Amino acid sequence: MAPGVRLIQKVSSTRTFARIAPHVIPVMDRTVHRLTRGKVLLSARMLPGLILTVPGARSGRLRTTPLACMPENGTEQSWILVGSNFGRTGHPAWTANLLAGPGKAVVSWRGRDIPVRATLLQGAERDAVWQRALKFWPPYATYQARVEREIRLFRLERRGDAAA
């Protein structure tokens, strides 16, 4: 574990962090991502991260959101996204966007744009991935304990129409 990660995990579990972080971290990530032409996400220094672009569920306008992710199986074929919303009550907007357009998403991963298909995980599959997510980033347990909703988990898989 990288130095300082435990401290960051402790801080990220607080209600103060949940109030402040959603207004600071995405703005910072979008700016650095744009300035580095997609090669750097500051928050990815702690957790792997990607930029999700998907049409808005209601507006249809493209929405771009920097997110932590769990790459699966050491490949660049699939990622898990956790809709924790920093432990706040509502589902994050990007989850509704993925539900409305699961085959219309694109991720920017390490400077490359990759078309993906999103699947909302449910049942036993969700339970298994949730256990992996808790090992990956323990604060997710605190986030879930604070909210009544079930935190949404999505698997993003590279679409067949994507260039390799």
C-alpha atoms as a PDB file:
ATOM      1  CA  MET A   1       0.000   0.000   0.000  1.00  0.00           C
ATOM      2  CA  ALA A   2       1.393   3.410  -0.986  1.00  0.00           C
ATOM      3  CA  PRO A   3       2.385   5.763   1.844  1.00  0.00           C
ATOM      4  CA  GLY A   4      -0.505   7.899   2.961  1.00  0.00           C
ATOM      5  CA  VAL A   5      -3.210   5.641   1.503  1.00  0.00           C
ATOM      6  CA  ARG A   6      -4.560   4.648   4.935  1.00  0.00           C
ATOM      7  CA  LEU A   7      -4.772   8.319   5.899  1.00  0.00           C
ATOM      8  CA  ILE A   8      -6.604   9.121   2.656  1.00  0.00           C
ATOM      9  CA  GLN A   9      -8.985   6.198   3.272  1.00  0.00           C
ATOM     10  CA  LYS A  10      -9.739   7.501   6.775  1.00  0.00           C
ATOM     11  CA  VAL A  11     -10.287  11.068   5.559  1.00  0.00           C
ATOM     12  CA  SER A  12     -12.418   9.930   2.603  1.00  0.00           C
ATOM     13  CA  SER A  13     -14.765   8.112   5.003  1.00  0.00           C
ATOM     14  CA  THR A  14     -15.795  11.321   6.780  1.00  0.00           C
ATOM     15  CA  ARG A  15     -19.001  13.261   6.197  1.00  0.00           C
ATOM     16  CA  THR A  16     -16.950  16.436   5.692  1.00  0.00           C
ATOM     17  CA  PHE A  17     -15.127  14.785   2.800  1.00  0.00           C
ATOM     18  CA  ALA A  18     -18.489  13.706   1.336  1.00  0.00           C
ATOM     19  CA  ARG A  19     -19.657  17.331   1.367  1.00  0.00           C
ATOM     20  CA  ILE A  20     -16.506  18.888  -0.091  1.00  0.00           C
ATOM     21  CA  ALA A  21     -14.920  16.291  -2.397  1.00  0.00           C
ATOM     22  CA  PRO A  22     -17.656  16.147  -5.067  1.00  0.00           C
ATOM     23  CA  HIS A  23     -17.137  19.863  -5.707  1.00  0.00           C
ATOM     24  CA  VAL A  24     -13.338  19.784  -5.789  1.00  0.00           C
ATOM     25  CA  ILE A  25     -12.007  16.444  -7.050  1.00  0.00           C
ATOM     26  CA  PRO A  26     -13.940  16.190 -10.356  1.00  0.00           C
ATOM     27  CA  VAL A  27     -13.109  19.792 -11.316  1.00  0.00           C
ATOM     28  CA  MET A  28      -9.445  19.217 -10.536  1.00  0.00           C
ATOM     29  CA  ASP A  29      -9.404  15.928 -12.461  1.00  0.00           C
ATOM     30  CA  ARG A  30     -11.162  17.363 -15.532  1.00  0.00           C
ATOM     31  CA  THR A  31      -8.723  20.281 -15.672  1.00  0.00           C
ATOM     32  CA  VAL A  32      -5.563  18.194 -15.343  1.00  0.00           C
ATOM     33  CA  HIS A  33      -6.943  15.579 -17.748  1.00  0.00           C
ATOM     34  CA  ARG A  34      -7.622  18.254 -20.368  1.00  0.00           C
ATOM     35  CA  LEU A  35      -4.230  19.951 -19.882  1.00  0.00           C
ATOM     36  CA  THR A  36      -2.354  16.643 -20.216  1.00  0.00           C
ATOM     37  CA  ARG A  37      -4.397  15.530 -23.240  1.00  0.00           C
ATOM     38  CA  GLY A  38      -5.904  12.620 -21.347  1.00  0.00           C
ATOM     39  CA  LYS A  39      -2.716  11.222 -19.885  1.00  0.00           C
ATOM     40  CA  VAL A  40      -3.044  12.261 -16.202  1.00  0.00           C
ATOM     41  CA  LEU A  41      -5.764  12.099 -13.557  1.00  0.00           C
ATOM     42  CA  LEU A  42      -4.590  13.465 -10.207  1.00  0.00           C
ATOM     43  CA  SER A  43      -6.994  11.318  -8.184  1.00  0.00           C
ATOM     44  CA  ALA A  44      -5.599   8.244  -9.950  1.00  0.00           C
ATOM     45  CA  ARG A  45      -2.487   8.620  -7.798  1.00  0.00           C
ATOM     46  CA  MET A  46      -4.522   6.843  -5.074  1.00  0.00           C
ATOM     47  CA  LEU A  47      -6.953   4.741  -7.121  1.00  0.00           C
ATOM     48  CA  PRO A  48      -7.039   3.840 -10.797  1.00  0.00           C
ATOM     49  CA  GLY A  49      -9.237   6.302 -12.621  1.00  0.00           C
ATOM     50  CA  LEU A  50     -10.893   6.926 -15.944  1.00  0.00           C
ATOM     51  CA  ILE A  51     -13.013   9.594 -17.555  1.00  0.00           C
ATOM     52  CA  LEU A  52     -16.526   8.436 -18.439  1.00  0.00           C
ATOM     53  CA  THR A  53     -18.397  10.168 -21.268  1.00  0.00           C
ATOM     54  CA  VAL A  54     -22.021   9.194 -21.780  1.00  0.00           C
ATOM     55  CA  PRO A  55     -25.132  11.023 -23.040  1.00  0.00           C
ATOM     56  CA  GLY A  56     -27.273  12.522 -20.291  1.00  0.00           C
ATOM     57  CA  ALA A  57     -30.351  10.435 -19.464  1.00  0.00           C
ATOM     58  CA  ARG A  58     -32.723  13.368 -20.000  1.00  0.00           C
ATOM     59  CA  SER A  59     -30.815  15.905 -22.089  1.00  0.00           C
ATOM     60  CA  GLY A  60     -28.910  13.576 -24.399  1.00  0.00           C
ATOM     61  CA  ARG A  61     -25.949  15.970 -24.097  1.00  0.00           C
ATOM     62  CA  LEU A  62     -22.587  14.341 -23.532  1.00  0.00           C
ATOM     63  CA  ARG A  63     -21.618  14.277 -19.849  1.00  0.00           C
ATOM     64  CA  THR A  64     -18.014  13.775 -18.803  1.00  0.00           C
ATOM     65  CA  THR A  65     -17.196  12.501 -15.326  1.00  0.00           C
ATOM     66  CA  PRO A  66     -13.838  11.513 -13.801  1.00  0.00           C
ATOM     67  CA  LEU A  67     -14.276   8.338 -11.733  1.00  0.00           C
ATOM     68  CA  ALA A  68     -12.270   5.875  -9.700  1.00  0.00           C
ATOM     69  CA  CYS A  69     -12.450   2.408 -11.200  1.00  0.00           C
ATOM     70  CA  MET A  70     -11.383  -1.171 -10.603  1.00  0.00           C
ATOM     71  CA  PRO A  71      -9.721  -2.561 -13.715  1.00  0.00           C
ATOM     72  CA  GLU A  72     -10.585  -6.252 -14.071  1.00  0.00           C
ATOM     73  CA  ASN A  73      -8.209  -9.112 -14.748  1.00  0.00           C
ATOM     74  CA  GLY A  74      -5.231  -6.877 -15.487  1.00  0.00           C
ATOM     75  CA  THR A  75      -6.505  -6.112 -18.992  1.00  0.00           C
ATOM     76  CA  GLU A  76      -7.877  -3.065 -20.715  1.00  0.00           C
ATOM     77  CA  GLN A  77     -11.098  -4.881 -21.543  1.00  0.00           C
ATOM     78  CA  SER A  78     -13.301  -4.229 -18.496  1.00  0.00           C
ATOM     79  CA  TRP A  79     -13.626  -1.964 -15.465  1.00  0.00           C
ATOM     80  CA  ILE A  80     -15.895  -1.831 -12.416  1.00  0.00           C
ATOM     81  CA  LEU A  81     -17.444   1.494 -11.422  1.00  0.00           C
ATOM     82  CA  VAL A  82     -18.886   2.022  -7.941  1.00  0.00           C
ATOM     83  CA  GLY A  83     -21.735   4.551  -7.711  1.00  0.00           C
ATOM     84  CA  SER A  84     -20.930   5.524  -4.135  1.00  0.00           C
ATOM     85  CA  ASN A  85     -21.441   9.273  -4.604  1.00  0.00           C
ATOM     86  CA  PHE A  86     -18.961   9.744  -1.738  1.00  0.00           C
ATOM     87  CA  GLY A  87     -21.547   8.259   0.653  1.00  0.00           C
ATOM     88  CA  ARG A  88     -24.202  10.868  -0.113  1.00  0.00           C
ATOM     89  CA  THR A  89     -27.888   9.939  -0.220  1.00  0.00           C
ATOM     90  CA  GLY A  90     -28.719   9.983  -3.946  1.00  0.00           C
ATOM     91  CA  HIS A  91     -27.315   7.915  -6.760  1.00  0.00           C
ATOM     92  CA  PRO A  92     -24.735   9.866  -8.771  1.00  0.00           C
ATOM     93  CA  ALA A  93     -26.105  11.257 -12.057  1.00  0.00           C
ATOM     94  CA  TRP A  94     -23.647   9.263 -14.142  1.00  0.00           C
ATOM     95  CA  THR A  95     -25.340   6.018 -13.009  1.00  0.00           C
ATOM     96  CA  ALA A  96     -28.696   7.156 -14.449  1.00  0.00           C
ATOM     97  CA  ASN A  97     -26.902   8.093 -17.652  1.00  0.00           C
ATOM     98  CA  LEU A  98     -25.406   4.589 -17.937  1.00  0.00           C
ATOM     99  CA  LEU A  99     -28.790   2.986 -17.252  1.00  0.00           C
ATOM    100  CA  ALA A 100     -30.357   5.094 -20.028  1.00  0.00           C
ATOM    101  CA  GLY A 101     -27.575   4.519 -22.574  1.00  0.00           C
ATOM    102  CA  PRO A 102     -25.535   1.460 -21.610  1.00  0.00           C
ATOM    103  CA  GLY A 103     -24.055   1.044 -25.079  1.00  0.00           C
ATOM    104  CA  LYS A 104     -23.277   4.719 -25.658  1.00  0.00           C
ATOM    105  CA  ALA A 105     -20.457   5.219 -23.162  1.00  0.00           C
ATOM    106  CA  VAL A 106     -16.807   5.942 -23.871  1.00  0.00           C
ATOM    107  CA  VAL A 107     -13.986   5.875 -21.336  1.00  0.00           C
ATOM    108  CA  SER A 108     -10.721   7.706 -21.530  1.00  0.00           C
ATOM    109  CA  TRP A 109      -8.207   5.253 -20.106  1.00  0.00           C
ATOM    110  CA  ARG A 110      -4.524   6.142 -20.018  1.00  0.00           C
ATOM    111  CA  GLY A 111      -4.913   8.653 -22.812  1.00  0.00           C
ATOM    112  CA  ARG A 112      -7.010   6.459 -25.116  1.00  0.00           C
ATOM    113  CA  ASP A 113     -10.743   6.682 -25.814  1.00  0.00           C
ATOM    114  CA  ILE A 114     -12.425   3.264 -25.609  1.00  0.00           C
ATOM    115  CA  PRO A 115     -16.103   2.633 -26.471  1.00  0.00           C
ATOM    116  CA  VAL A 116     -17.709   0.487 -23.739  1.00  0.00           C
ATOM    117  CA  ARG A 117     -21.002  -1.180 -22.827  1.00  0.00           C
ATOM    118  CA  ALA A 118     -22.238  -0.814 -19.244  1.00  0.00           C
ATOM    119  CA  THR A 119     -23.998  -3.534 -17.262  1.00  0.00           C
ATOM    120  CA  LEU A 120     -25.629  -2.901 -13.881  1.00  0.00           C
ATOM    121  CA  LEU A 121     -24.512  -5.745 -11.637  1.00  0.00           C
ATOM    122  CA  GLN A 122     -27.195  -7.494  -9.599  1.00  0.00           C
ATOM    123  CA  GLY A 123     -27.696 -10.514  -7.358  1.00  0.00           C
ATOM    124  CA  ALA A 124     -24.842 -12.909  -6.650  1.00  0.00           C
ATOM    125  CA  GLU A 125     -22.609 -11.291  -9.279  1.00  0.00           C
ATOM    126  CA  ARG A 126     -23.029  -7.896  -7.597  1.00  0.00           C
ATOM    127  CA  ASP A 127     -22.383  -9.419  -4.162  1.00  0.00           C
ATOM    128  CA  ALA A 128     -19.111 -10.988  -5.327  1.00  0.00           C
ATOM    129  CA  VAL A 129     -17.905  -7.788  -6.989  1.00  0.00           C
ATOM    130  CA  TRP A 130     -18.946  -5.745  -3.929  1.00  0.00           C
ATOM    131  CA  GLN A 131     -16.678  -7.902  -1.744  1.00  0.00           C
ATOM    132  CA  ARG A 132     -13.792  -7.238  -4.160  1.00  0.00           C
ATOM    133  CA  ALA A 133     -14.619  -3.516  -4.085  1.00  0.00           C
ATOM    134  CA  LEU A 134     -14.442  -3.467  -0.280  1.00  0.00           C
ATOM    135  CA  LYS A 135     -10.959  -5.005  -0.392  1.00  0.00           C
ATOM    136  CA  PHE A 136      -9.951  -2.571  -3.123  1.00  0.00           C
ATOM    137  CA  TRP A 137     -11.186   0.544  -1.247  1.00  0.00           C
ATOM    138  CA  PRO A 138     -12.474  -0.115   2.317  1.00  0.00           C
ATOM    139  CA  PRO A 139     -14.231   3.302   2.655  1.00  0.00           C
ATOM    140  CA  TYR A 140     -16.983   1.943   0.382  1.00  0.00           C
ATOM    141  CA  ALA A 141     -18.293   0.063   3.465  1.00  0.00           C
ATOM    142  CA  THR A 142     -18.638   3.381   5.337  1.00  0.00           C
ATOM    143  CA  TYR A 143     -20.389   4.951   2.352  1.00  0.00           C
ATOM    144  CA  GLN A 144     -22.894   2.073   2.169  1.00  0.00           C
ATOM    145  CA  ALA A 145     -23.562   2.213   5.921  1.00  0.00           C
ATOM    146  CA  ARG A 146     -24.473   5.917   5.636  1.00  0.00           C
ATOM    147  CA  VAL A 147     -27.109   5.496   2.943  1.00  0.00           C
ATOM    148  CA  GLU A 148     -30.326   3.493   2.609  1.00  0.00           C
ATOM    149  CA  ARG A 149     -29.941   2.920  -1.132  1.00  0.00           C
ATOM    150  CA  GLU A 150     -27.926   0.024  -2.497  1.00  0.00           C
ATOM    151  CA  ILE A 151     -24.796   1.440  -4.105  1.00  0.00           C
ATOM    152  CA  ARG A 152     -24.878   0.679  -7.826  1.00  0.00           C
ATOM    153  CA  LEU A 153     -22.040  -1.298  -9.387  1.00  0.00           C
ATOM    154  CA  PHE A 154     -21.416  -1.317 -13.111  1.00  0.00           C
ATOM    155  CA  ARG A 155     -19.136  -3.384 -15.287  1.00  0.00           C
ATOM    156  CA  LEU A 156     -17.882  -1.538 -18.344  1.00  0.00           C
ATOM    157  CA  GLU A 157     -16.692  -3.813 -21.147  1.00  0.00           C
ATOM    158  CA  ARG A 158     -14.938  -2.804 -24.305  1.00  0.00           C
ATOM    159  CA  ARG A 159     -17.440  -2.864 -27.164  1.00  0.00           C
ATOM    160  CA  GLY A 160     -16.810  -5.017 -30.191  1.00  0.00           C
ATOM    161  CA  ASP A 161     -16.750  -1.926 -32.404  1.00  0.00           C
ATOM    162  CA  ALA A 162     -13.731  -0.567 -30.479  1.00  0.00           C
ATOM    163  CA  ALA A 163     -10.351  -0.462 -32.149  1.00  0.00           C
ATOM    164  CA  ALA A 164      -7.858  -2.659 -30.328  1.00  0.00           C
END
